Structures are given as structure tokens and as C-alpha cells.
Amino acid sequence: MTSKMAQILEILGDGKWHPLSELQEEVGVSNERMLEILGFLSKYEFMKVDYVNEKAKIARNVRDFLTQRTIL
């Protein structure tokens, strides 16, 4: 099973801003749990959260890292 943090990062993988309500609904967690997850991910700069406008997006460097293809 995919972790809630991984689910959020996957949703945000398009690099666009997403409403916090959309993330909460898609991931299926309580408001309190969502705020804990968002706090952690933003503290360690995995994502940017705009609490005033209630939206979030993945940090560019994280998106770049997650979308890299390794050639061996």
C-alpha cells in the first residue's frame, strides 16, 4: 500500500498548484492528519504550501528528482 505522503507527492507530480481539499479527499485522511503531513513535507522542502489560499504544489527539485530516468 502506498503511503499517504507518497500519494500526495504523486498527485502533486504534475507541478501545478492543487487545492488542499482535493488532496485531503483523494488521500482520504482527516483534516488534522492532512495538516501534519503537509507540515512535514513542507518543513523538509518536498513541497510548497500556501495556507492563505489553501493550495500546495511539489517543490521543483523534488519533481525533477522523481521524474528522472536512470540509464544503466
PDB file of N, CA and C in Angstrom:
ATOM      1  N   MET A   1       0.843  -1.183   0.000  1.00  0.00           N
ATOM      2  CA  MET A   1       0.000   0.000   0.000  1.00  0.00           C
ATOM      3  C   MET A   1       0.890   1.247   0.000  1.00  0.00           C
ATOM      4  N   THR A   2       0.520   2.196  -0.802  1.00  0.00           N
ATOM      5  CA  THR A   2       1.274   3.435  -0.910  1.00  0.00           C
ATOM      6  C   THR A   2       1.029   4.301   0.320  1.00  0.00           C
ATOM      7  N   SER A   3       2.087   4.917   0.838  1.00  0.00           N
ATOM      8  CA  SER A   3       1.925   5.784   1.998  1.00  0.00           C
ATOM      9  C   SER A   3       1.162   7.046   1.609  1.00  0.00           C
ATOM     10  N   LYS A   4       0.582   7.680   2.579  1.00  0.00           N
ATOM     11  CA  LYS A   4      -0.176   8.911   2.340  1.00  0.00           C
ATOM     12  C   LYS A   4       0.734  10.002   1.777  1.00  0.00           C
ATOM     13  N   MET A   5       1.967  10.083   2.267  1.00  0.00           N
ATOM     14  CA  MET A   5       2.903  11.086   1.747  1.00  0.00           C
ATOM     15  C   MET A   5       3.213  10.817   0.283  1.00  0.00           C
ATOM     16  N   ALA A   6       3.442   9.568  -0.055  1.00  0.00           N
ATOM     17  CA  ALA A   6       3.734   9.213  -1.445  1.00  0.00           C
ATOM     18  C   ALA A   6       2.536   9.517  -2.336  1.00  0.00           C
ATOM     19  N   GLN A   7       1.334   9.269  -1.841  1.00  0.00           N
ATOM     20  CA  GLN A   7       0.130   9.579  -2.609  1.00  0.00           C
ATOM     21  C   GLN A   7       0.042  11.079  -2.896  1.00  0.00           C
ATOM     22  N   ILE A   8       0.326  11.879  -1.887  1.00  0.00           N
ATOM     23  CA  ILE A   8       0.281  13.335  -2.064  1.00  0.00           C
ATOM     24  C   ILE A   8       1.313  13.773  -3.083  1.00  0.00           C
ATOM     25  N   LEU A   9       2.540  13.267  -2.981  1.00  0.00           N
ATOM     26  CA  LEU A   9       3.587  13.643  -3.925  1.00  0.00           C
ATOM     27  C   LEU A   9       3.241  13.191  -5.340  1.00  0.00           C
ATOM     28  N   GLU A  10       2.597  12.046  -5.456  1.00  0.00           N
ATOM     29  CA  GLU A  10       2.178  11.567  -6.775  1.00  0.00           C
ATOM     30  C   GLU A  10       1.134  12.506  -7.385  1.00  0.00           C
ATOM     31  N   ILE A  11       0.165  12.929  -6.593  1.00  0.00           N
ATOM     32  CA  ILE A  11      -0.867  13.862  -7.068  1.00  0.00           C
ATOM     33  C   ILE A  11      -0.225  15.172  -7.501  1.00  0.00           C
ATOM     34  N   LEU A  12       0.732  15.638  -6.712  1.00  0.00           N
ATOM     35  CA  LEU A  12       1.383  16.914  -6.998  1.00  0.00           C
ATOM     36  C   LEU A  12       2.444  16.806  -8.090  1.00  0.00           C
ATOM     37  N   GLY A  13       2.688  15.613  -8.566  1.00  0.00           N
ATOM     38  CA  GLY A  13       3.744  15.370  -9.541  1.00  0.00           C
ATOM     39  C   GLY A  13       3.635  16.147 -10.836  1.00  0.00           C
ATOM     40  N   ASP A  14       2.469  16.716 -11.130  1.00  0.00           N
ATOM     41  CA  ASP A  14       2.314  17.496 -12.360  1.00  0.00           C
ATOM     42  C   ASP A  14       2.901  18.895 -12.235  1.00  0.00           C
ATOM     43  N   GLY A  15       3.316  19.264 -11.015  1.00  0.00           N
ATOM     44  CA  GLY A  15       3.950  20.566 -10.804  1.00  0.00           C
ATOM     45  C   GLY A  15       2.988  21.724 -10.657  1.00  0.00           C
ATOM     46  N   LYS A  16       1.694  21.458 -10.702  1.00  0.00           N
ATOM     47  CA  LYS A  16       0.688  22.520 -10.584  1.00  0.00           C
ATOM     48  C   LYS A  16       0.218  22.654  -9.138  1.00  0.00           C
ATOM     49  N   TRP A  17      -0.371  23.811  -8.829  1.00  0.00           N
ATOM     50  CA  TRP A  17      -0.982  24.023  -7.516  1.00  0.00           C
ATOM     51  C   TRP A  17      -2.264  23.193  -7.444  1.00  0.00           C
ATOM     52  N   HIS A  18      -2.490  22.570  -6.281  1.00  0.00           N
ATOM     53  CA  HIS A  18      -3.698  21.779  -6.044  1.00  0.00           C
ATOM     54  C   HIS A  18      -4.358  22.259  -4.750  1.00  0.00           C
ATOM     55  N   PRO A  19      -5.681  22.353  -4.755  1.00  0.00           N
ATOM     56  CA  PRO A  19      -6.381  22.736  -3.518  1.00  0.00           C
ATOM     57  C   PRO A  19      -6.141  21.692  -2.419  1.00  0.00           C
ATOM     58  N   LEU A  20      -5.969  22.168  -1.200  1.00  0.00           N
ATOM     59  CA  LEU A  20      -5.759  21.257  -0.079  1.00  0.00           C
ATOM     60  C   LEU A  20      -6.947  20.314   0.097  1.00  0.00           C
ATOM     61  N   SER A  21      -8.151  20.813  -0.174  1.00  0.00           N
ATOM     62  CA  SER A  21      -9.343  19.974  -0.056  1.00  0.00           C
ATOM     63  C   SER A  21      -9.295  18.806  -1.037  1.00  0.00           C
ATOM     64  N   GLU A  22      -8.759  19.037  -2.231  1.00  0.00           N
ATOM     65  CA  GLU A  22      -8.616  17.968  -3.228  1.00  0.00           C
ATOM     66  C   GLU A  22      -7.655  16.901  -2.720  1.00  0.00           C
ATOM     67  N   LEU A  23      -6.527  17.332  -2.173  1.00  0.00           N
ATOM     68  CA  LEU A  23      -5.545  16.386  -1.648  1.00  0.00           C
ATOM     69  C   LEU A  23      -6.145  15.559  -0.518  1.00  0.00           C
ATOM     70  N   GLN A  24      -6.828  16.225   0.388  1.00  0.00           N
ATOM     71  CA  GLN A  24      -7.414  15.537   1.530  1.00  0.00           C
ATOM     72  C   GLN A  24      -8.433  14.507   1.070  1.00  0.00           C
ATOM     73  N   GLU A  25      -9.255  14.873   0.112  1.00  0.00           N
ATOM     74  CA  GLU A  25     -10.282  13.959  -0.390  1.00  0.00           C
ATOM     75  C   GLU A  25      -9.660  12.765  -1.108  1.00  0.00           C
ATOM     76  N   GLU A  26      -8.684  13.009  -1.972  1.00  0.00           N
ATOM     77  CA  GLU A  26      -8.068  11.928  -2.745  1.00  0.00           C
ATOM     78  C   GLU A  26      -7.257  10.972  -1.878  1.00  0.00           C
ATOM     79  N   VAL A  27      -6.617  11.503  -0.852  1.00  0.00           N
ATOM     80  CA  VAL A  27      -5.795  10.671   0.018  1.00  0.00           C
ATOM     81  C   VAL A  27      -6.637   9.998   1.098  1.00  0.00           C
ATOM     82  N   GLY A  28      -7.747  10.624   1.462  1.00  0.00           N
ATOM     83  CA  GLY A  28      -8.662  10.027   2.423  1.00  0.00           C
ATOM     84  C   GLY A  28      -8.191  10.093   3.863  1.00  0.00           C
ATOM     85  N   VAL A  29      -7.782  11.281   4.290  1.00  0.00           N
ATOM     86  CA  VAL A  29      -7.348  11.475   5.672  1.00  0.00           C
ATOM     87  C   VAL A  29      -8.132  12.621   6.298  1.00  0.00           C
ATOM     88  N   SER A  30      -8.089  12.682   7.624  1.00  0.00           N
ATOM     89  CA  SER A  30      -8.747  13.777   8.336  1.00  0.00           C
ATOM     90  C   SER A  30      -8.007  15.085   8.099  1.00  0.00           C
ATOM     91  N   ASN A  31      -8.659  16.182   8.389  1.00  0.00           N
ATOM     92  CA  ASN A  31      -8.040  17.498   8.244  1.00  0.00           C
ATOM     93  C   ASN A  31      -6.792  17.610   9.116  1.00  0.00           C
ATOM     94  N   GLU A  32      -6.867  17.110  10.342  1.00  0.00           N
ATOM     95  CA  GLU A  32      -5.732  17.172  11.256  1.00  0.00           C
ATOM     96  C   GLU A  32      -4.547  16.379  10.711  1.00  0.00           C
ATOM     97  N   ARG A  33      -4.822  15.180  10.203  1.00  0.00           N
ATOM     98  CA  ARG A  33      -3.748  14.338   9.658  1.00  0.00           C
ATOM     99  C   ARG A  33      -3.142  14.986   8.406  1.00  0.00           C
ATOM    100  N   MET A  34      -3.996  15.583   7.566  1.00  0.00           N
ATOM    101  CA  MET A  34      -3.508  16.267   6.367  1.00  0.00           C
ATOM    102  C   MET A  34      -2.565  17.393   6.745  1.00  0.00           C
ATOM    103  N   LEU A  35      -2.917  18.179   7.754  1.00  0.00           N
ATOM    104  CA  LEU A  35      -2.058  19.282   8.185  1.00  0.00           C
ATOM    105  C   LEU A  35      -0.726  18.776   8.724  1.00  0.00           C
ATOM    106  N   GLU A  36      -0.729  17.632   9.411  1.00  0.00           N
ATOM    107  CA  GLU A  36       0.520  17.035   9.892  1.00  0.00           C
ATOM    108  C   GLU A  36       1.419  16.631   8.721  1.00  0.00           C
ATOM    109  N   ILE A  37       0.828  15.975   7.736  1.00  0.00           N
ATOM    110  CA  ILE A  37       1.590  15.527   6.572  1.00  0.00           C
ATOM    111  C   ILE A  37       2.131  16.726   5.795  1.00  0.00           C
ATOM    112  N   LEU A  38       1.268  17.716   5.558  1.00  0.00           N
ATOM    113  CA  LEU A  38       1.702  18.905   4.824  1.00  0.00           C
ATOM    114  C   LEU A  38       2.802  19.637   5.576  1.00  0.00           C
ATOM    115  N   GLY A  39       2.671  19.712   6.886  1.00  0.00           N
ATOM    116  CA  GLY A  39       3.698  20.358   7.703  1.00  0.00           C
ATOM    117  C   GLY A  39       5.043  19.671   7.567  1.00  0.00           C
ATOM    118  N   PHE A  40       5.034  18.350   7.602  1.00  0.00           N
ATOM    119  CA  PHE A  40       6.274  17.589   7.457  1.00  0.00           C
ATOM    120  C   PHE A  40       6.879  17.793   6.076  1.00  0.00           C
ATOM    121  N   LEU A  41       6.062  17.608   5.034  1.00  0.00           N
ATOM    122  CA  LEU A  41       6.575  17.716   3.665  1.00  0.00           C
ATOM    123  C   LEU A  41       7.078  19.123   3.344  1.00  0.00           C
ATOM    124  N   SER A  42       6.424  20.131   3.887  1.00  0.00           N
ATOM    125  CA  SER A  42       6.887  21.497   3.620  1.00  0.00           C
ATOM    126  C   SER A  42       8.106  21.849   4.482  1.00  0.00           C
ATOM    127  N   LYS A  43       8.166  21.336   5.703  1.00  0.00           N
ATOM    128  CA  LYS A  43       9.314  21.592   6.574  1.00  0.00           C
ATOM    129  C   LYS A  43      10.611  21.103   5.931  1.00  0.00           C
ATOM    130  N   TYR A  44      10.538  19.943   5.290  1.00  0.00           N
ATOM    131  CA  TYR A  44      11.721  19.371   4.656  1.00  0.00           C
ATOM    132  C   TYR A  44      11.786  19.683   3.155  1.00  0.00           C
ATOM    133  N   GLU A  45      11.018  20.675   2.740  1.00  0.00           N
ATOM    134  CA  GLU A  45      11.044  21.262   1.395  1.00  0.00           C
ATOM    135  C   GLU A  45      10.739  20.281   0.266  1.00  0.00           C
ATOM    136  N   PHE A  46       9.843  19.330   0.548  1.00  0.00           N
ATOM    137  CA  PHE A  46       9.352  18.453  -0.505  1.00  0.00           C
ATOM    138  C   PHE A  46       8.249  19.142  -1.301  1.00  0.00           C
ATOM    139  N   MET A  47       7.605  20.108  -0.677  1.00  0.00           N
ATOM    140  CA  MET A  47       6.505  20.804  -1.319  1.00  0.00           C
ATOM    141  C   MET A  47       6.361  22.199  -0.755  1.00  0.00           C
ATOM    142  N   LYS A  48       5.610  23.022  -1.471  1.00  0.00           N
ATOM    143  CA  LYS A  48       5.281  24.369  -1.014  1.00  0.00           C
ATOM    144  C   LYS A  48       3.800  24.389  -0.678  1.00  0.00           C
ATOM    145  N   VAL A  49       3.473  24.998   0.457  1.00  0.00           N
ATOM    146  CA  VAL A  49       2.080  25.095   0.870  1.00  0.00           C
ATOM    147  C   VAL A  49       1.718  26.562   1.038  1.00  0.00           C
ATOM    148  N   ASP A  50       0.641  26.952   0.401  1.00  0.00           N
ATOM    149  CA  ASP A  50       0.076  28.293   0.543  1.00  0.00           C
ATOM    150  C   ASP A  50      -1.169  28.139   1.409  1.00  0.00           C
ATOM    151  N   TYR A  51      -0.992  28.359   2.717  1.00  0.00           N
ATOM    152  CA  TYR A  51      -2.107  28.162   3.654  1.00  0.00           C
ATOM    153  C   TYR A  51      -3.170  29.246   3.500  1.00  0.00           C
ATOM    154  N   VAL A  52      -2.795  30.424   3.046  1.00  0.00           N
ATOM    155  CA  VAL A  52      -3.760  31.514   2.865  1.00  0.00           C
ATOM    156  C   VAL A  52      -4.759  31.152   1.772  1.00  0.00           C
ATOM    157  N   ASN A  53      -4.240  30.668   0.639  1.00  0.00           N
ATOM    158  CA  ASN A  53      -5.100  30.306  -0.490  1.00  0.00           C
ATOM    159  C   ASN A  53      -5.445  28.817  -0.518  1.00  0.00           C
ATOM    160  N   GLU A  54      -4.996  28.100   0.513  1.00  0.00           N
ATOM    161  CA  GLU A  54      -5.295  26.680   0.703  1.00  0.00           C
ATOM    162  C   GLU A  54      -4.965  25.837  -0.524  1.00  0.00           C
ATOM    163  N   LYS A  55      -3.684  25.883  -0.909  1.00  0.00           N
ATOM    164  CA  LYS A  55      -3.229  25.085  -2.043  1.00  0.00           C
ATOM    165  C   LYS A  55      -1.779  24.670  -1.821  1.00  0.00           C
ATOM    166  N   ALA A  56      -1.355  23.654  -2.578  1.00  0.00           N
ATOM    167  CA  ALA A  56       0.002  23.136  -2.437  1.00  0.00           C
ATOM    168  C   ALA A  56       0.520  22.670  -3.785  1.00  0.00           C
ATOM    169  N   LYS A  57       1.857  22.655  -3.901  1.00  0.00           N
ATOM    170  CA  LYS A  57       2.490  22.081  -5.085  1.00  0.00           C
ATOM    171  C   LYS A  57       3.826  21.488  -4.685  1.00  0.00           C
ATOM    172  N   ILE A  58       4.287  20.561  -5.495  1.00  0.00           N
ATOM    173  CA  ILE A  58       5.553  19.889  -5.229  1.00  0.00           C
ATOM    174  C   ILE A  58       6.708  20.859  -5.483  1.00  0.00           C
ATOM    175  N   ALA A  59       7.764  20.709  -4.720  1.00  0.00           N
ATOM    176  CA  ALA A  59       8.959  21.523  -4.944  1.00  0.00           C
ATOM    177  C   ALA A  59       9.600  21.092  -6.261  1.00  0.00           C
ATOM    178  N   ARG A  60      10.113  22.048  -6.991  1.00  0.00           N
ATOM    179  CA  ARG A  60      10.662  21.765  -8.321  1.00  0.00           C
ATOM    180  C   ARG A  60      11.785  20.734  -8.279  1.00  0.00           C
ATOM    181  N   ASN A  61      12.698  20.866  -7.326  1.00  0.00           N
ATOM    182  CA  ASN A  61      13.815  19.917  -7.255  1.00  0.00           C
ATOM    183  C   ASN A  61      13.343  18.506  -6.930  1.00  0.00           C
ATOM    184  N   VAL A  62      12.300  18.380  -6.144  1.00  0.00           N
ATOM    185  CA  VAL A  62      11.746  17.061  -5.824  1.00  0.00           C
ATOM    186  C   VAL A  62      11.072  16.480  -7.061  1.00  0.00           C
ATOM    187  N   ARG A  63      10.332  17.310  -7.765  1.00  0.00           N
ATOM    188  CA  ARG A  63       9.673  16.853  -9.002  1.00  0.00           C
ATOM    189  C   ARG A  63      10.719  16.394 -10.015  1.00  0.00           C
ATOM    190  N   ASP A  64      11.766  17.182 -10.180  1.00  0.00           N
ATOM    191  CA  ASP A  64      12.834  16.801 -11.106  1.00  0.00           C
ATOM    192  C   ASP A  64      13.461  15.465 -10.707  1.00  0.00           C
ATOM    193  N   PHE A  65      13.704  15.299  -9.418  1.00  0.00           N
ATOM    194  CA  PHE A  65      14.305  14.062  -8.923  1.00  0.00           C
ATOM    195  C   PHE A  65      13.386  12.868  -9.179  1.00  0.00           C
ATOM    196  N   LEU A  66      12.104  13.026  -8.891  1.00  0.00           N
ATOM    197  CA  LEU A  66      11.163  11.921  -9.040  1.00  0.00           C
ATOM    198  C   LEU A  66      10.885  11.561 -10.493  1.00  0.00           C
ATOM    199  N   THR A  67      11.114  12.479 -11.403  1.00  0.00           N
ATOM    200  CA  THR A  67      10.827  12.203 -12.806  1.00  0.00           C
ATOM    201  C   THR A  67      12.072  11.824 -13.608  1.00  0.00           C
ATOM    202  N   GLN A  68      13.221  11.737 -12.953  1.00  0.00           N
ATOM    203  CA  GLN A  68      14.456  11.332 -13.639  1.00  0.00           C
ATOM    204  C   GLN A  68      14.349   9.885 -14.082  1.00  0.00           C
ATOM    205  N   ARG A  69      14.988   9.605 -15.201  1.00  0.00           N
ATOM    206  CA  ARG A  69      15.088   8.228 -15.669  1.00  0.00           C
ATOM    207  C   ARG A  69      16.553   7.846 -15.616  1.00  0.00           C
ATOM    208  N   THR A  70      16.814   6.769 -14.958  1.00  0.00           N
ATOM    209  CA  THR A  70      18.192   6.294 -14.840  1.00  0.00           C
ATOM    210  C   THR A  70      18.523   5.411 -16.032  1.00  0.00           C
ATOM    211  N   ILE A  71      19.617   5.717 -16.682  1.00  0.00           N
ATOM    212  CA  ILE A  71      20.063   4.908 -17.816  1.00  0.00           C
ATOM    213  C   ILE A  71      21.271   4.105 -17.354  1.00  0.00           C
ATOM    214  N   LEU A  72      21.152   2.799 -17.399  1.00  0.00           N
ATOM    215  CA  LEU A  72      22.256   1.924 -16.977  1.00  0.00           C
ATOM    216  C   LEU A  72      22.839   1.211 -18.158  1.00  0.00           C
TER     217      LEU A  72
END
